[in-house]
Amino acid sequence: MRFIELSKAPCNETLEVKAIYSDLDWGKRLESMGIRKGRQIRKIANQPFGGPVVIEVDSMKISLGRNIAHKIEVEVLGDHLPRSF
C-alpha cells in the first residue's frame, strides 16, 4: 500500500503512522505527544485556509501545523476502531 501525508489523509478515518520526516527536536516533541511510527491515530479535521490538522491520539485532541502534518506519512486503515483508542 502506498502511504500518504497526514495533511492529505481523509478525515474521520483510522490511520497508522508509517514514517515521520522531521528534525530531532520535532521528532522528540511528536513522540512526547504519542505520535510515533506504528501508532494508530484518527484524523478529525483539516482547518480551512491552511490552518492546522486536528488528530486524536489516546482520546486527546492535538492540533498540528500543516508544515508538520506534511512530514508525517500514514496508511488509511478505515473506520474499524472505536472512537476512543
Protein backbone atom coordinates (compact mmCIF):
# COMPACT_ATOMS: atom_id res chain seq x y z
CA MET A 1 0.00 0.00 0.00
CA ARG A 2 1.13 3.49 -0.75
CA PHE A 3 1.36 5.92 2.14
CA ILE A 4 0.05 9.49 2.14
CA GLU A 5 0.84 12.65 4.06
CA LEU A 6 -1.27 13.22 7.15
CA SER A 7 -2.34 16.57 5.73
CA LYS A 8 -3.87 14.79 2.70
CA ALA A 9 -5.46 11.86 4.57
CA PRO A 10 -9.26 11.70 4.80
CA CYS A 11 -10.99 12.90 7.96
CA ASN A 12 -12.79 10.57 10.38
CA GLU A 13 -10.66 7.59 9.43
CA THR A 14 -8.30 5.47 11.49
CA LEU A 15 -4.72 5.93 10.33
CA GLU A 16 -1.44 4.24 11.18
CA VAL A 17 1.70 6.38 11.34
CA LYS A 18 4.25 4.85 8.98
CA ALA A 19 7.04 7.45 8.93
CA ILE A 20 7.95 10.84 10.39
CA TYR A 21 10.36 13.03 8.42
CA SER A 22 11.41 15.77 10.81
CA ASP A 23 14.43 17.02 12.66
CA LEU A 24 15.35 15.52 16.00
CA ASP A 25 13.65 18.23 18.08
CA TRP A 26 10.28 17.85 16.34
CA GLY A 27 10.61 14.07 16.38
CA LYS A 28 11.01 14.12 20.17
CA ARG A 29 8.13 16.56 20.57
CA LEU A 30 5.80 14.41 18.46
CA GLU A 31 6.83 11.30 20.36
CA SER A 32 6.06 13.01 23.68
CA MET A 33 2.53 13.62 22.34
CA GLY A 34 2.15 9.93 21.47
CA ILE A 35 2.71 10.34 17.72
CA ARG A 36 5.24 7.73 16.65
CA LYS A 37 5.75 5.13 13.93
CA GLY A 38 3.26 2.25 14.23
CA ARG A 39 0.76 4.27 16.31
CA GLN A 40 -2.89 4.38 15.30
CA ILE A 41 -4.49 7.82 15.24
CA ARG A 42 -7.71 9.36 13.97
CA LYS A 43 -7.74 12.48 11.82
CA ILE A 44 -10.61 14.70 12.94
CA ALA A 45 -10.37 17.83 10.79
CA ASN A 46 -8.45 19.96 8.34
CA GLN A 47 -8.95 23.58 9.33
CA PRO A 48 -9.56 25.90 6.35
CA PHE A 49 -7.16 28.41 4.78
CA GLY A 50 -4.02 26.41 5.55
CA GLY A 51 -4.89 26.06 9.23
CA PRO A 52 -3.92 23.14 11.45
CA VAL A 53 -4.74 19.47 11.12
CA VAL A 54 -6.59 18.09 14.16
CA ILE A 55 -5.96 14.48 15.19
CA GLU A 56 -6.96 12.25 18.10
CA VAL A 57 -4.34 10.20 19.94
CA ASP A 58 -5.31 8.27 23.08
CA SER A 59 -8.53 10.31 23.46
CA MET A 60 -6.52 13.58 23.28
CA LYS A 61 -7.14 16.06 20.51
CA ILE A 62 -3.96 17.56 19.08
CA SER A 63 -3.61 20.34 16.51
CA LEU A 64 -0.60 20.13 14.22
CA GLY A 65 0.55 22.82 11.83
CA ARG A 66 0.35 21.85 8.18
CA ASN A 67 4.13 22.04 7.82
CA ILE A 68 4.45 19.27 10.44
CA ALA A 69 1.45 17.29 9.10
CA HIS A 70 3.17 17.22 5.67
CA LYS A 71 6.12 15.39 7.27
CA ILE A 72 4.05 12.54 8.73
CA GLU A 73 3.18 9.64 6.41
CA VAL A 74 0.20 7.46 7.26
CA GLU A 75 -1.71 4.47 5.96
CA VAL A 76 -5.51 4.59 5.95
CA LEU A 77 -6.87 1.64 7.93
CA GLY A 78 -10.53 2.61 7.80
CA ASP A 79 -13.11 3.19 10.48
CA HIS A 80 -12.96 -0.15 12.29
CA LEU A 81 -11.74 1.08 15.69
CA PRO A 82 -13.89 2.66 18.40
CA ARG A 83 -13.93 6.46 18.76
CA SER A 84 -11.53 6.46 21.74
CA PHE A 85 -8.47 4.28 21.49
